[in-house]
Protein backbone atom coordinates (compact mmCIF):
# COMPACT_ATOMS: atom_id res chain seq x y z
CA MET A 1 -64.32 38.71 0.40
CA THR A 2 -65.43 41.33 -2.14
CA SER A 3 -63.23 39.71 -4.77
CA THR A 4 -64.74 36.31 -4.05
CA LEU A 5 -68.29 37.63 -4.35
CA ARG A 6 -67.44 39.39 -7.58
CA THR A 7 -65.91 36.22 -9.02
CA SER A 8 -69.00 34.18 -8.07
CA ALA A 9 -71.33 36.75 -9.63
CA GLU A 10 -69.29 36.84 -12.82
CA SER A 11 -69.32 33.04 -13.02
CA ALA A 12 -73.11 33.03 -12.66
CA VAL A 13 -73.43 35.57 -15.48
CA GLU A 14 -71.10 33.61 -17.72
CA GLN A 15 -72.99 30.34 -17.20
CA PRO A 16 -74.51 29.48 -20.59
CA VAL A 17 -78.25 29.32 -21.13
CA PRO A 18 -79.37 25.65 -21.43
CA PRO A 19 -79.70 24.73 -25.11
CA SER A 20 -82.52 22.18 -24.83
CA MET A 21 -86.19 22.98 -24.42
CA VAL A 22 -86.54 20.49 -21.54
CA GLU A 23 -83.77 22.22 -19.61
CA ARG A 24 -85.35 25.62 -20.21
CA LEU A 25 -88.74 24.35 -19.07
CA THR A 26 -87.12 22.95 -15.94
CA LEU A 27 -85.39 26.27 -15.26
CA ILE A 28 -88.74 28.04 -15.31
CA LEU A 29 -90.71 25.48 -13.32
CA ASP A 30 -88.02 25.38 -10.64
CA LEU A 31 -88.84 29.02 -9.84
CA PHE A 32 -92.22 27.98 -8.43
CA GLU A 33 -91.07 26.58 -5.10
CA ARG A 34 -94.51 26.60 -3.48
CA PRO A 35 -98.10 26.26 -4.76
CA HIS A 36 -98.81 29.94 -4.00
CA THR A 37 -95.57 31.33 -5.46
CA HIS A 38 -96.13 33.97 -8.15
CA GLN A 39 -93.55 35.03 -10.75
CA THR A 40 -93.90 37.79 -13.32
CA LEU A 41 -92.39 37.63 -16.81
CA GLU A 42 -89.69 40.02 -15.57
CA ASP A 43 -88.94 37.71 -12.62
CA VAL A 44 -88.61 34.70 -14.91
CA THR A 45 -86.37 36.55 -17.38
CA ARG A 46 -84.12 37.89 -14.64
CA ARG A 47 -83.76 34.66 -12.68
CA THR A 48 -83.35 32.26 -15.63
CA ARG A 49 -81.43 34.70 -17.88
CA LEU A 50 -83.50 33.46 -20.79
CA PRO A 51 -84.26 35.99 -23.54
CA ARG A 52 -87.55 37.73 -22.81
CA SER A 53 -89.17 36.47 -26.02
CA THR A 54 -88.09 32.88 -25.26
CA ALA A 55 -89.35 33.04 -21.67
CA HIS A 56 -92.66 34.52 -22.80
CA ARG A 57 -93.15 31.83 -25.45
CA ILE A 58 -92.41 29.01 -22.96
CA LEU A 59 -94.69 30.55 -20.33
CA ASP A 60 -97.52 30.79 -22.86
CA GLN A 61 -97.11 27.11 -23.73
CA LEU A 62 -97.07 26.12 -20.06
CA VAL A 63 -100.27 28.09 -19.47
CA ARG A 64 -101.95 26.55 -22.53
CA LEU A 65 -101.05 23.06 -21.28
CA ARG A 66 -102.22 23.92 -17.72
CA TRP A 67 -98.80 23.51 -16.10
CA LEU A 68 -99.08 27.17 -15.09
CA ASP A 69 -101.88 29.67 -14.54
CA HIS A 70 -101.59 33.33 -15.54
CA THR A 71 -103.22 35.70 -13.05
CA THR A 72 -103.14 39.44 -12.41
CA ALA A 73 -100.33 38.83 -9.90
CA GLY A 74 -98.23 36.86 -12.38
CA TYR A 75 -97.73 33.17 -13.13
CA ARG A 76 -98.32 30.35 -10.63
CA LEU A 77 -98.55 26.56 -10.73
CA GLY A 78 -101.53 25.29 -12.70
CA LYS A 79 -103.88 22.35 -12.27
CA ARG A 80 -101.64 19.86 -14.04
CA ALA A 81 -98.61 20.68 -11.86
CA LEU A 82 -100.70 20.69 -8.70
CA GLY A 83 -102.14 17.33 -9.63
CA LEU A 84 -98.64 15.84 -9.54
CA GLY A 85 -98.14 16.67 -5.89
CA GLY A 86 -98.19 20.44 -5.60
CA ARG A 87 -101.75 20.40 -4.33
CA GLU A 88 -100.83 18.04 -1.50
CA ILE A 89 -97.86 20.21 -0.55
CA GLY A 90 -100.11 23.26 -0.47
CA GLN A 91 -102.73 21.49 1.63
CA ASN A 92 -100.10 20.33 4.12
CA ALA A 93 -98.78 23.87 4.44
CA LEU A 94 -102.32 25.17 4.87
CA ARG A 95 -103.12 22.59 7.55
CA SER A 96 -99.91 23.40 9.43
CA ALA A 97 -100.51 27.14 9.30
CA ALA A 98 -104.10 26.80 10.49
CA ALA A 99 -103.65 24.14 13.21
CA PRO A 100 -102.81 26.36 16.23
CA VAL A 101 -105.57 28.83 15.37
CA LEU A 102 -108.16 26.08 14.91
CA HIS A 103 -107.29 24.57 18.29
CA ASP A 104 -107.53 27.98 19.98
CA LEU A 105 -110.90 28.53 18.33
CA ALA A 106 -112.24 25.12 19.38
CA ILE A 107 -111.17 25.70 23.00
CA ARG A 108 -112.69 29.17 23.20
CA THR A 109 -116.01 28.32 21.56
CA LYS A 110 -116.34 24.66 22.65
CA LEU A 111 -117.56 23.94 19.13
CA VAL A 112 -116.23 21.73 16.32
CA VAL A 113 -113.96 23.53 13.86
CA HIS A 114 -113.51 22.54 10.21
CA LEU A 115 -110.85 23.48 7.66
CA ALA A 116 -111.65 22.69 4.03
CA VAL A 117 -110.74 23.53 0.44
CA LEU A 118 -112.86 23.65 -2.69
CA VAL A 119 -112.29 20.73 -5.09
CA ASP A 120 -114.50 20.99 -8.17
CA THR A 121 -118.05 21.35 -6.75
CA GLU A 122 -117.31 19.86 -3.33
CA VAL A 123 -115.58 20.85 -0.12
CA TYR A 124 -112.72 18.59 0.91
CA TYR A 125 -112.13 18.45 4.67
CA LEU A 126 -108.48 18.98 5.58
CA ASP A 127 -108.91 19.14 9.35
CA LYS A 128 -111.48 18.71 12.08
CA VAL A 129 -110.93 19.83 15.67
CA GLY A 130 -113.24 19.51 18.64
CA GLY A 131 -112.38 16.67 20.99
CA ARG A 132 -115.18 14.32 21.94
CA SER A 133 -117.85 16.62 20.50
CA ALA A 134 -116.33 16.13 17.03
CA VAL A 135 -117.58 12.54 17.01
CA GLU A 136 -121.16 13.80 16.98
CA VAL A 137 -120.63 15.80 13.75
CA PRO A 138 -121.00 13.51 10.66
CA SER A 139 -117.91 14.72 8.80
CA ARG A 140 -114.37 13.37 8.57
CA VAL A 141 -110.91 14.48 7.50
CA GLY A 142 -110.53 13.42 3.87
CA GLY A 143 -114.28 13.41 3.36
CA ARG A 144 -116.29 15.56 0.98
CA ALA A 145 -119.63 17.35 0.87
CA PRO A 146 -121.50 19.39 -1.77
CA ALA A 147 -120.14 22.94 -1.59
CA HIS A 148 -123.52 24.63 -2.04
CA CYS A 149 -124.91 22.76 0.99
CA THR A 150 -122.25 23.81 3.50
CA ALA A 151 -121.24 27.08 5.15
CA LEU A 152 -117.64 26.28 4.20
CA GLY A 153 -118.55 25.87 0.56
CA LYS A 154 -120.87 28.86 0.31
CA ALA A 155 -118.21 31.06 1.96
CA MET A 156 -115.83 30.17 -0.89
CA LEU A 157 -118.42 30.22 -3.67
CA ALA A 158 -119.33 33.81 -2.75
CA TRP A 159 -116.01 35.00 -4.18
CA LEU A 160 -116.12 33.06 -7.46
CA PRO A 161 -117.33 34.56 -10.76
CA PRO A 162 -121.15 34.37 -11.13
CA GLU A 163 -120.82 32.60 -14.48
CA ARG A 164 -118.89 29.77 -12.83
CA ILE A 165 -121.62 29.39 -10.21
CA GLU A 166 -124.20 29.28 -12.98
CA ALA A 167 -122.27 26.66 -14.94
CA GLU A 168 -121.42 24.36 -12.01
CA TYR A 169 -124.54 24.69 -9.85
CA GLY A 170 -127.27 25.23 -12.42
CA ASN A 171 -128.59 21.72 -11.71
CA ALA A 172 -127.48 21.36 -8.10
CA ALA A 173 -129.04 18.53 -6.12
CA ARG A 174 -130.52 18.79 -2.65
CA ARG A 175 -128.74 17.06 0.22
CA THR A 176 -131.64 17.70 2.64
CA ALA A 177 -135.00 19.41 2.45
CA ARG A 178 -133.29 22.70 3.43
CA SER A 179 -130.56 22.56 0.76
CA ILE A 180 -130.47 25.33 -1.84
CA ALA A 181 -131.02 23.82 -5.29
CA ASP A 182 -132.36 26.83 -7.22
CA PRO A 183 -129.57 28.86 -8.95
CA GLY A 184 -131.39 32.15 -8.39
CA VAL A 185 -131.76 31.50 -4.68
CA LEU A 186 -128.11 30.45 -4.49
CA HIS A 187 -126.99 33.72 -6.13
CA GLN A 188 -129.06 35.65 -3.59
CA GLU A 189 -127.49 33.73 -0.73
CA LEU A 190 -123.96 34.35 -2.04
CA ASP A 191 -124.74 38.06 -2.33
CA ARG A 192 -125.84 38.12 1.31
CA ILE A 193 -122.57 36.42 2.28
CA ARG A 194 -120.53 39.09 0.52
CA ARG A 195 -122.49 41.82 2.32
CA ARG A 196 -121.84 40.07 5.66
CA ARG A 197 -118.07 40.46 5.24
CA GLY A 198 -117.89 36.89 3.99
CA LEU A 199 -119.83 35.12 6.75
CA ALA A 200 -121.87 32.14 5.56
CA PHE A 201 -124.48 30.31 7.63
CA GLU A 202 -126.34 27.07 7.11
CA ARG A 203 -128.75 25.14 9.29
CA GLY A 204 -129.60 21.60 8.25
CA GLU A 205 -128.66 22.10 4.58
CA CYS A 206 -125.97 19.40 4.59
CA PHE A 207 -126.70 17.30 7.66
CA PRO A 208 -130.04 17.38 9.51
CA LYS A 209 -129.91 19.07 12.92
CA VAL A 210 -126.41 20.46 12.27
CA GLY A 211 -125.68 24.18 11.87
CA CYS A 212 -122.50 25.95 10.74
CA VAL A 213 -121.01 29.39 10.28
CA GLY A 214 -118.10 29.65 7.86
CA ILE A 215 -115.75 32.16 6.31
CA ALA A 216 -113.29 31.90 3.42
CA LEU A 217 -109.55 32.45 3.53
CA ARG A 218 -108.94 34.59 0.48
CA GLY A 219 -105.77 34.91 -1.56
CA ARG A 220 -104.82 37.22 -4.38
CA ASP A 221 -106.66 35.06 -6.89
CA GLY A 222 -109.76 34.07 -4.93
CA PRO A 223 -110.66 31.76 -2.05
CA VAL A 224 -107.86 29.49 -0.84
CA ALA A 225 -109.81 27.59 1.82
CA ALA A 226 -112.48 28.12 4.47
CA ILE A 227 -112.94 27.50 8.18
CA SER A 228 -116.20 26.92 10.03
CA LEU A 229 -117.69 26.45 13.48
CA VAL A 230 -120.19 23.62 13.79
CA GLY A 231 -122.90 23.06 16.37
CA ASP A 232 -126.50 22.09 16.80
CA ALA A 233 -128.88 23.61 14.27
CA GLN A 234 -130.43 25.65 17.08
CA SER A 235 -127.09 26.99 18.36
CA PRO A 236 -126.76 30.81 18.37
CA LEU A 237 -123.88 30.74 15.91
CA GLU A 238 -124.15 34.47 15.26
CA ARG A 239 -122.61 35.04 18.70
CA VAL A 240 -119.36 33.30 17.75
CA ALA A 241 -119.13 34.90 14.30
CA PRO A 242 -116.70 37.63 15.49
CA LEU A 243 -114.31 34.97 16.81
CA LEU A 244 -114.46 33.17 13.48
CA ILE A 245 -113.57 36.34 11.60
CA GLN A 246 -110.62 36.93 13.92
CA ALA A 247 -109.49 33.31 13.43
CA ALA A 248 -109.66 33.68 9.64
CA ASN A 249 -107.47 36.78 9.86
CA ALA A 250 -105.02 34.88 12.07
CA VAL A 251 -104.78 31.94 9.65
CA SER A 252 -104.31 34.33 6.72
CA THR A 253 -101.43 35.92 8.60
CA GLU A 254 -99.82 32.52 9.14
CA LEU A 255 -100.31 31.72 5.45
CA ALA A 256 -98.47 34.89 4.47
CA THR A 257 -95.18 32.97 4.69
CA VAL A 258 -96.47 30.33 2.28
CA ALA A 259 -97.84 32.98 -0.07
CA ASP A 260 -94.49 34.84 -0.15
CA VAL A 261 -95.78 38.13 1.29
CA PRO A 262 -94.55 39.96 4.41
CA LYS A 263 -95.82 38.36 7.61
CA GLN A 264 -97.70 40.52 10.11
CA PRO A 265 -98.10 39.92 13.89
CA ARG A 266 -100.70 37.25 14.56
CA PRO A 267 -104.00 38.64 16.01
CA ASN A 268 -104.69 37.68 19.62
CA LEU A 269 -107.86 35.58 19.76
CA ALA A 270 -108.03 36.10 23.52
CA VAL A 271 -109.15 39.70 23.02
CA ALA A 272 -111.17 39.11 19.87
CA GLN A 273 -114.52 39.12 21.61
CA GLN A 274 -113.74 42.37 23.40
CA SER A 275 -112.93 44.11 20.12
CA TRP A 276 -116.50 43.73 18.86
CA SER A 277 -119.22 45.79 20.46
CA ASN A 278 -122.85 44.68 20.21
CA GLU A 279 -123.70 47.41 17.71
CA PRO A 280 -121.28 46.40 14.90
CA VAL A 281 -122.21 42.73 15.34
CA ALA A 282 -125.92 43.57 15.11
CA GLN A 283 -125.32 45.61 11.94
CA LEU A 284 -123.32 42.79 10.37
CA LEU A 285 -125.90 40.13 11.15
CA ALA A 286 -128.82 42.32 10.07
CA VAL A 287 -128.30 41.26 6.45
CA GLY A 288 -131.22 39.00 5.56
CA GLY A 289 -131.32 35.23 5.49
CA ASP A 290 -133.24 32.36 7.06
CA TRP A 291 -130.34 31.22 9.25
CA LEU A 292 -131.39 33.36 12.20
């Protein structure tokens, strides 16, 4: 057995490095098995056996052409690669990881639950759970809405660089009379969201008479997606905020497998409400805003 393993290892070492650039590019891109997979330069050099200088040069070209992104955690698939199908794979994995948690949340709160991602300046709805009550909420899976007008969108925007917010929402349009269109006011709102541990609220900003509370699912490089609870604009959404936070933690735990990090035990939503006393909730929700 040992001899066989040694022979296999030696054969792998002796395998020649592909001579063509296309083959070398393919070697590198094949390392990124999932949309959230990260590889460092050392990882790429070790796994492809390409010379470090060659691997670095190819990686730089792939980043420049947007096939890859270079982040503090290493390299990952870029916009061009994701546009060829990687984005859909990632969204399917996200939907699958979130589904059981979203259903638990809908049952416990009796509210409509949304799962969405940020696409340019809009939220893109990946899932919607809520039984018959979901029909009353004017959103649909596959639909879009302006990010700055939704709790889902604002929850994700809160963790983006301020200069990006300024560039993309400097001339934001109103969806309703309550929508935030002024960049200064939007920055203030996003600051409040960060101070609320990421909780975002909106009442009638996207759809009249509809209120939402949302929170982002954050990865190593920023927001990955967001989930929200939706009800009537007069609903006391602050009361279900602790359950939403617990649900976000649960989905993030499920996503750990997709993101290639160790998976932790999934939080029990059944005891989530008991783990929050009235005092911490009151302190959290004391941060200003006109959603109360």
